[in-house]
Amino acid sequence: MDEDSRIVALEEVPDDGTFLFTVRDGFDTKEAIIVELSDAVVAFENYCPHWTDIRLDKGDGATVRNGELVCEKHGATFESDSGLCNYGPCEGAVLEEVSITTEDGVVYLTDERYEFENQGPSGDHDLSSRGRIGFSGN
């Protein structure tokens, strides 16, 4: 595998949480998370489909309860293997998968939409209040 697509050693992915990394899509960066399953690892974009500015992993690992990812904002739960929301306001929605593979104990990015940027958060977070009430300033 290409060393530029190397994300992390498999042993560094937590058994009961997520590993956060950043990918680049042209000029934009996006965060993604790796989830370890019993026999594989999967990766998803790091946002809740209900409100896409809500990150599942805020930098210290997403909550994983009974094998499901949990959105701490509204309590939505997602199947760790498929990303399907099986409870909450976005029930039926699916987390956007990011293609990865493992080779010789290392996780690599294989998704042709993205280039690996860095481990951890993107640093491109808007620190505004995140209010959802429109304000025209008039």
N, C-alpha and C. Protein backbone atom coordinates (compact mmCIF):
# COMPACT_ATOMS: atom_id res chain seq x y z
N MET A 1 0.85 -1.19 0.00
CA MET A 1 0.00 0.00 0.00
C MET A 1 0.88 1.25 0.00
N ASP A 2 0.32 2.31 -0.50
CA ASP A 2 1.00 3.59 -0.56
C ASP A 2 1.09 4.20 0.84
N GLU A 3 2.28 4.59 1.25
CA GLU A 3 2.49 5.16 2.59
C GLU A 3 1.69 6.45 2.79
N ASP A 4 1.38 7.19 1.72
CA ASP A 4 0.59 8.41 1.85
C ASP A 4 -0.85 8.13 2.28
N SER A 5 -1.31 6.91 2.09
CA SER A 5 -2.68 6.56 2.48
C SER A 5 -2.74 5.85 3.84
N ARG A 6 -1.58 5.75 4.51
CA ARG A 6 -1.52 5.11 5.83
C ARG A 6 -2.21 5.99 6.86
N ILE A 7 -3.18 5.41 7.58
CA ILE A 7 -3.91 6.17 8.61
C ILE A 7 -3.33 5.89 9.99
N VAL A 8 -3.29 4.60 10.38
CA VAL A 8 -2.92 4.27 11.75
C VAL A 8 -2.63 2.77 11.86
N ALA A 9 -1.82 2.40 12.84
CA ALA A 9 -1.63 0.99 13.15
C ALA A 9 -2.93 0.46 13.76
N LEU A 10 -3.34 -0.71 13.35
CA LEU A 10 -4.59 -1.30 13.81
C LEU A 10 -4.65 -1.38 15.33
N GLU A 11 -3.54 -1.65 15.98
CA GLU A 11 -3.51 -1.77 17.44
C GLU A 11 -3.82 -0.45 18.14
N GLU A 12 -3.74 0.68 17.44
CA GLU A 12 -4.05 1.99 18.03
C GLU A 12 -5.53 2.35 17.94
N VAL A 13 -6.32 1.56 17.22
CA VAL A 13 -7.77 1.80 17.13
C VAL A 13 -8.41 1.22 18.39
N PRO A 14 -9.11 2.05 19.17
CA PRO A 14 -9.69 1.56 20.43
C PRO A 14 -10.73 0.46 20.20
N ASP A 15 -10.77 -0.50 21.12
CA ASP A 15 -11.76 -1.57 21.04
C ASP A 15 -13.17 -1.06 21.32
N ASP A 16 -13.29 -0.05 22.15
CA ASP A 16 -14.60 0.41 22.61
C ASP A 16 -14.84 1.88 22.32
N GLY A 17 -14.28 2.36 21.23
CA GLY A 17 -14.45 3.77 20.85
C GLY A 17 -14.16 3.94 19.37
N THR A 18 -13.65 5.08 19.01
CA THR A 18 -13.36 5.38 17.61
C THR A 18 -11.99 6.03 17.50
N PHE A 19 -11.44 5.99 16.30
CA PHE A 19 -10.18 6.67 16.00
C PHE A 19 -10.50 7.76 14.98
N LEU A 20 -10.16 8.99 15.30
CA LEU A 20 -10.49 10.15 14.48
C LEU A 20 -9.35 10.49 13.53
N PHE A 21 -9.69 10.75 12.26
CA PHE A 21 -8.69 11.20 11.29
C PHE A 21 -9.35 12.16 10.31
N THR A 22 -8.52 12.85 9.54
CA THR A 22 -9.00 13.87 8.61
C THR A 22 -8.59 13.50 7.19
N VAL A 23 -9.52 13.71 6.26
CA VAL A 23 -9.26 13.49 4.84
C VAL A 23 -9.46 14.79 4.09
N ARG A 24 -8.89 14.86 2.90
CA ARG A 24 -9.03 16.05 2.06
C ARG A 24 -9.76 15.66 0.79
N ASP A 25 -10.71 16.51 0.42
CA ASP A 25 -11.48 16.37 -0.81
C ASP A 25 -11.28 17.66 -1.59
N GLY A 26 -10.23 17.72 -2.40
CA GLY A 26 -9.91 18.97 -3.08
C GLY A 26 -9.43 20.00 -2.08
N PHE A 27 -10.19 21.10 -1.94
CA PHE A 27 -9.82 22.16 -1.01
C PHE A 27 -10.43 21.98 0.37
N ASP A 28 -11.39 21.09 0.50
CA ASP A 28 -12.10 20.90 1.76
C ASP A 28 -11.54 19.73 2.54
N THR A 29 -11.62 19.83 3.87
CA THR A 29 -11.26 18.70 4.72
C THR A 29 -12.52 18.19 5.39
N LYS A 30 -12.51 16.91 5.68
CA LYS A 30 -13.60 16.26 6.40
C LYS A 30 -12.99 15.32 7.43
N GLU A 31 -13.68 15.19 8.53
CA GLU A 31 -13.25 14.23 9.53
C GLU A 31 -13.93 12.89 9.28
N ALA A 32 -13.23 11.84 9.68
CA ALA A 32 -13.79 10.49 9.59
C ALA A 32 -13.38 9.73 10.85
N ILE A 33 -14.11 8.67 11.13
CA ILE A 33 -13.83 7.85 12.30
C ILE A 33 -13.70 6.39 11.88
N ILE A 34 -12.79 5.70 12.55
CA ILE A 34 -12.63 4.26 12.36
C ILE A 34 -13.25 3.57 13.57
N VAL A 35 -14.03 2.53 13.29
CA VAL A 35 -14.66 1.72 14.32
C VAL A 35 -14.16 0.30 14.16
N GLU A 36 -13.69 -0.29 15.25
CA GLU A 36 -13.24 -1.68 15.19
C GLU A 36 -14.42 -2.60 15.47
N LEU A 37 -14.62 -3.56 14.58
CA LEU A 37 -15.63 -4.59 14.74
C LEU A 37 -14.93 -5.86 15.22
N SER A 38 -15.65 -6.93 15.43
CA SER A 38 -15.03 -8.15 15.93
C SER A 38 -14.03 -8.74 14.94
N ASP A 39 -14.25 -8.54 13.65
CA ASP A 39 -13.37 -9.16 12.65
C ASP A 39 -12.88 -8.19 11.58
N ALA A 40 -13.12 -6.91 11.75
CA ALA A 40 -12.73 -5.93 10.72
C ALA A 40 -12.76 -4.53 11.32
N VAL A 41 -12.44 -3.55 10.50
CA VAL A 41 -12.63 -2.14 10.85
C VAL A 41 -13.42 -1.48 9.73
N VAL A 42 -14.21 -0.48 10.09
CA VAL A 42 -14.96 0.31 9.12
C VAL A 42 -14.73 1.78 9.43
N ALA A 43 -15.00 2.64 8.46
CA ALA A 43 -14.85 4.08 8.68
C ALA A 43 -16.07 4.81 8.12
N PHE A 44 -16.42 5.89 8.80
CA PHE A 44 -17.54 6.73 8.39
C PHE A 44 -17.14 8.19 8.52
N GLU A 45 -17.80 9.06 7.75
CA GLU A 45 -17.62 10.49 7.96
C GLU A 45 -18.11 10.81 9.37
N ASN A 46 -17.46 11.76 10.01
CA ASN A 46 -17.68 12.05 11.42
C ASN A 46 -18.77 13.10 11.64
N TYR A 47 -19.97 12.78 11.21
CA TYR A 47 -21.08 13.69 11.50
C TYR A 47 -22.38 12.91 11.58
N CYS A 48 -23.34 13.48 12.31
CA CYS A 48 -24.67 12.91 12.42
C CYS A 48 -25.49 13.37 11.21
N PRO A 49 -26.20 12.48 10.52
CA PRO A 49 -26.98 12.90 9.37
C PRO A 49 -28.17 13.80 9.73
N HIS A 50 -28.55 13.86 10.99
CA HIS A 50 -29.66 14.71 11.40
C HIS A 50 -29.26 16.19 11.34
N TRP A 51 -28.14 16.52 11.95
CA TRP A 51 -27.54 17.85 11.87
C TRP A 51 -26.09 17.63 11.51
N THR A 52 -25.72 17.97 10.31
CA THR A 52 -24.38 17.60 9.82
C THR A 52 -23.25 18.42 10.43
N ASP A 53 -23.55 19.38 11.28
CA ASP A 53 -22.48 20.08 11.99
C ASP A 53 -22.20 19.44 13.36
N ILE A 54 -22.93 18.39 13.69
CA ILE A 54 -22.73 17.68 14.95
C ILE A 54 -21.77 16.52 14.71
N ARG A 55 -20.63 16.57 15.38
CA ARG A 55 -19.61 15.53 15.23
C ARG A 55 -19.89 14.39 16.20
N LEU A 56 -19.73 13.16 15.74
CA LEU A 56 -19.88 12.00 16.61
C LEU A 56 -18.68 11.86 17.53
N ASP A 57 -17.49 12.08 17.00
CA ASP A 57 -16.25 12.05 17.77
C ASP A 57 -15.72 13.48 17.83
N LYS A 58 -15.75 14.07 19.01
CA LYS A 58 -15.32 15.46 19.17
C LYS A 58 -13.83 15.57 19.49
N GLY A 59 -13.12 14.45 19.38
CA GLY A 59 -11.68 14.47 19.61
C GLY A 59 -11.21 13.50 20.67
N ASP A 60 -12.16 12.95 21.42
CA ASP A 60 -11.78 12.00 22.47
C ASP A 60 -12.50 10.66 22.31
N GLY A 61 -12.93 10.36 21.11
CA GLY A 61 -13.62 9.10 20.83
C GLY A 61 -15.12 9.26 20.90
N ALA A 62 -15.82 8.70 19.92
CA ALA A 62 -17.28 8.71 19.94
C ALA A 62 -17.77 7.72 20.98
N THR A 63 -18.94 7.97 21.50
CA THR A 63 -19.55 7.03 22.43
C THR A 63 -19.99 5.79 21.67
N VAL A 64 -19.58 4.63 22.16
CA VAL A 64 -20.02 3.35 21.61
C VAL A 64 -20.68 2.59 22.76
N ARG A 65 -21.96 2.26 22.57
CA ARG A 65 -22.72 1.58 23.61
C ARG A 65 -23.39 0.35 23.01
N ASN A 66 -23.15 -0.80 23.59
CA ASN A 66 -23.71 -2.06 23.08
C ASN A 66 -23.39 -2.26 21.60
N GLY A 67 -22.19 -1.88 21.20
CA GLY A 67 -21.77 -2.06 19.82
C GLY A 67 -22.33 -1.05 18.85
N GLU A 68 -22.97 0.00 19.34
CA GLU A 68 -23.55 1.02 18.46
C GLU A 68 -22.92 2.38 18.73
N LEU A 69 -22.71 3.15 17.67
CA LEU A 69 -22.26 4.53 17.80
C LEU A 69 -23.42 5.37 18.29
N VAL A 70 -23.14 6.33 19.16
CA VAL A 70 -24.20 7.16 19.73
C VAL A 70 -23.90 8.62 19.44
N CYS A 71 -24.91 9.33 18.91
CA CYS A 71 -24.81 10.78 18.77
C CYS A 71 -25.22 11.38 20.12
N GLU A 72 -24.29 12.05 20.77
CA GLU A 72 -24.57 12.59 22.09
C GLU A 72 -25.52 13.78 22.06
N LYS A 73 -25.73 14.38 20.90
CA LYS A 73 -26.63 15.54 20.80
C LYS A 73 -28.09 15.13 20.96
N HIS A 74 -28.52 14.09 20.22
CA HIS A 74 -29.92 13.70 20.30
C HIS A 74 -30.15 12.24 20.63
N GLY A 75 -29.09 11.52 20.97
CA GLY A 75 -29.24 10.13 21.39
C GLY A 75 -29.47 9.14 20.27
N ALA A 76 -29.30 9.56 19.03
CA ALA A 76 -29.45 8.64 17.91
C ALA A 76 -28.39 7.55 18.01
N THR A 77 -28.75 6.33 17.62
CA THR A 77 -27.79 5.23 17.63
C THR A 77 -27.62 4.68 16.21
N PHE A 78 -26.40 4.27 15.91
CA PHE A 78 -26.03 3.79 14.58
C PHE A 78 -25.36 2.43 14.70
N GLU A 79 -25.77 1.50 13.85
CA GLU A 79 -25.12 0.19 13.82
C GLU A 79 -23.67 0.39 13.40
N SER A 80 -22.75 -0.15 14.18
CA SER A 80 -21.32 0.07 13.92
C SER A 80 -20.84 -0.55 12.62
N ASP A 81 -21.46 -1.62 12.18
CA ASP A 81 -20.98 -2.27 10.95
C ASP A 81 -21.52 -1.62 9.68
N SER A 82 -22.75 -1.10 9.72
CA SER A 82 -23.36 -0.54 8.51
C SER A 82 -23.55 0.97 8.55
N GLY A 83 -23.54 1.57 9.74
CA GLY A 83 -23.80 2.99 9.88
C GLY A 83 -25.28 3.35 9.86
N LEU A 84 -26.16 2.35 9.83
CA LEU A 84 -27.60 2.59 9.79
C LEU A 84 -28.08 3.13 11.13
N CYS A 85 -28.82 4.24 11.09
CA CYS A 85 -29.43 4.79 12.30
C CYS A 85 -30.66 3.95 12.62
N ASN A 86 -30.65 3.30 13.78
CA ASN A 86 -31.78 2.45 14.16
C ASN A 86 -32.63 3.05 15.27
N TYR A 87 -32.26 4.26 15.72
CA TYR A 87 -33.05 4.95 16.73
C TYR A 87 -32.69 6.43 16.71
N GLY A 88 -33.70 7.28 16.84
CA GLY A 88 -33.46 8.71 16.94
C GLY A 88 -34.09 9.48 15.81
N PRO A 89 -33.86 10.79 15.78
CA PRO A 89 -34.52 11.65 14.80
C PRO A 89 -34.10 11.38 13.36
N CYS A 90 -32.99 10.71 13.16
CA CYS A 90 -32.55 10.40 11.79
C CYS A 90 -32.70 8.91 11.49
N GLU A 91 -33.62 8.23 12.19
CA GLU A 91 -33.82 6.79 12.00
C GLU A 91 -34.00 6.46 10.53
N GLY A 92 -33.26 5.46 10.07
CA GLY A 92 -33.30 5.05 8.67
C GLY A 92 -32.19 5.66 7.83
N ALA A 93 -31.60 6.75 8.30
CA ALA A 93 -30.47 7.37 7.58
C ALA A 93 -29.23 6.50 7.81
N VAL A 94 -28.24 6.70 6.96
CA VAL A 94 -27.01 5.90 7.04
C VAL A 94 -25.81 6.84 7.06
N LEU A 95 -24.86 6.58 7.96
CA LEU A 95 -23.61 7.34 7.97
C LEU A 95 -22.88 7.12 6.65
N GLU A 96 -22.21 8.15 6.15
CA GLU A 96 -21.46 8.05 4.89
C GLU A 96 -20.19 7.25 5.13
N GLU A 97 -20.07 6.12 4.46
CA GLU A 97 -18.91 5.26 4.64
C GLU A 97 -17.69 5.83 3.93
N VAL A 98 -16.53 5.64 4.52
CA VAL A 98 -15.24 5.99 3.94
C VAL A 98 -14.49 4.67 3.77
N SER A 99 -14.04 4.37 2.56
CA SER A 99 -13.40 3.08 2.28
C SER A 99 -12.00 3.02 2.87
N ILE A 100 -11.77 1.95 3.65
CA ILE A 100 -10.45 1.69 4.24
C ILE A 100 -10.15 0.20 4.07
N THR A 101 -8.91 -0.16 4.29
CA THR A 101 -8.51 -1.56 4.30
C THR A 101 -7.38 -1.73 5.31
N THR A 102 -7.13 -2.96 5.69
CA THR A 102 -6.00 -3.24 6.57
C THR A 102 -5.02 -4.16 5.85
N GLU A 103 -3.76 -3.91 6.11
CA GLU A 103 -2.70 -4.74 5.54
C GLU A 103 -1.54 -4.75 6.52
N ASP A 104 -1.11 -5.93 6.90
CA ASP A 104 0.02 -6.09 7.83
C ASP A 104 -0.15 -5.26 9.10
N GLY A 105 -1.37 -5.24 9.65
CA GLY A 105 -1.62 -4.56 10.91
C GLY A 105 -1.71 -3.05 10.81
N VAL A 106 -1.90 -2.52 9.59
CA VAL A 106 -2.01 -1.07 9.39
C VAL A 106 -3.31 -0.78 8.64
N VAL A 107 -3.99 0.32 9.03
CA VAL A 107 -5.21 0.75 8.35
C VAL A 107 -4.84 1.79 7.30
N TYR A 108 -5.34 1.59 6.07
CA TYR A 108 -5.06 2.49 4.95
C TYR A 108 -6.36 3.04 4.38
N LEU A 109 -6.31 4.27 3.91
CA LEU A 109 -7.42 4.89 3.20
C LEU A 109 -7.42 4.38 1.77
N THR A 110 -8.55 3.85 1.31
CA THR A 110 -8.66 3.37 -0.07
C THR A 110 -9.77 4.08 -0.83
N ASP A 111 -10.41 5.05 -0.20
CA ASP A 111 -11.51 5.78 -0.80
C ASP A 111 -10.96 6.79 -1.81
N GLU A 112 -11.29 6.61 -3.08
CA GLU A 112 -10.74 7.46 -4.15
C GLU A 112 -11.25 8.89 -4.09
N ARG A 113 -12.28 9.17 -3.30
CA ARG A 113 -12.79 10.54 -3.17
C ARG A 113 -11.86 11.42 -2.33
N TYR A 114 -11.02 10.78 -1.51
CA TYR A 114 -10.26 11.52 -0.51
C TYR A 114 -8.77 11.21 -0.55
N GLU A 115 -8.01 12.15 0.01
CA GLU A 115 -6.60 11.94 0.32
C GLU A 115 -6.47 12.03 1.84
N PHE A 116 -5.60 11.20 2.41
CA PHE A 116 -5.37 11.25 3.85
C PHE A 116 -4.67 12.56 4.19
N GLU A 117 -5.19 13.26 5.19
CA GLU A 117 -4.63 14.54 5.63
C GLU A 117 -3.82 14.39 6.91
N ASN A 118 -4.47 13.92 7.99
CA ASN A 118 -3.78 13.76 9.27
C ASN A 118 -4.61 12.95 10.24
N GLN A 119 -3.95 12.47 11.29
CA GLN A 119 -4.66 11.85 12.40
C GLN A 119 -5.26 12.97 13.23
N GLY A 120 -6.42 12.71 13.83
CA GLY A 120 -7.05 13.69 14.69
C GLY A 120 -7.99 14.61 13.94
N PRO A 121 -8.44 15.68 14.62
CA PRO A 121 -9.43 16.58 14.03
C PRO A 121 -8.85 17.42 12.90
N SER A 122 -9.77 18.00 12.12
CA SER A 122 -9.35 18.78 10.95
C SER A 122 -8.84 20.16 11.30
N GLY A 123 -9.32 20.73 12.39
CA GLY A 123 -8.94 22.10 12.73
C GLY A 123 -9.75 23.14 11.99
N ASP A 124 -10.69 22.70 11.15
CA ASP A 124 -11.52 23.62 10.38
C ASP A 124 -12.89 23.84 11.02
N HIS A 125 -12.97 23.77 12.33
CA HIS A 125 -14.27 23.88 12.98
C HIS A 125 -14.63 25.33 13.21
N ASP A 126 -15.86 25.65 12.86
CA ASP A 126 -16.42 26.96 13.10
C ASP A 126 -16.75 27.05 14.59
N LEU A 127 -16.21 28.03 15.27
CA LEU A 127 -16.43 28.17 16.70
C LEU A 127 -17.61 29.08 17.03
N SER A 128 -18.48 29.32 16.06
CA SER A 128 -19.65 30.15 16.31
C SER A 128 -20.62 29.42 17.23
N SER A 129 -21.70 30.08 17.57
CA SER A 129 -22.67 29.51 18.50
C SER A 129 -23.47 28.37 17.90
N ARG A 130 -23.41 28.17 16.61
CA ARG A 130 -24.13 27.10 15.92
C ARG A 130 -25.64 27.28 16.01
N GLY A 131 -26.11 28.49 16.20
CA GLY A 131 -27.54 28.72 16.25
C GLY A 131 -28.19 28.37 14.93
N ARG A 132 -29.41 27.87 14.98
CA ARG A 132 -30.12 27.49 13.78
C ARG A 132 -31.26 28.44 13.48
N ILE A 133 -31.30 29.57 14.16
CA ILE A 133 -32.32 30.58 13.90
C ILE A 133 -31.73 31.59 12.94
N GLY A 134 -32.42 31.80 11.84
CA GLY A 134 -31.92 32.73 10.83
C GLY A 134 -31.87 34.16 11.35
N PHE A 135 -30.87 34.90 10.94
CA PHE A 135 -30.74 36.30 11.33
C PHE A 135 -30.21 37.06 10.13
N SER A 136 -30.97 38.00 9.65
CA SER A 136 -30.58 38.73 8.44
C SER A 136 -29.74 39.95 8.76
N GLY A 137 -29.74 40.41 10.00
CA GLY A 137 -28.96 41.58 10.36
C GLY A 137 -29.66 42.89 10.04
N ASN A 138 -30.88 42.84 9.56
CA ASN A 138 -31.64 44.06 9.24
C ASN A 138 -32.40 44.56 10.43
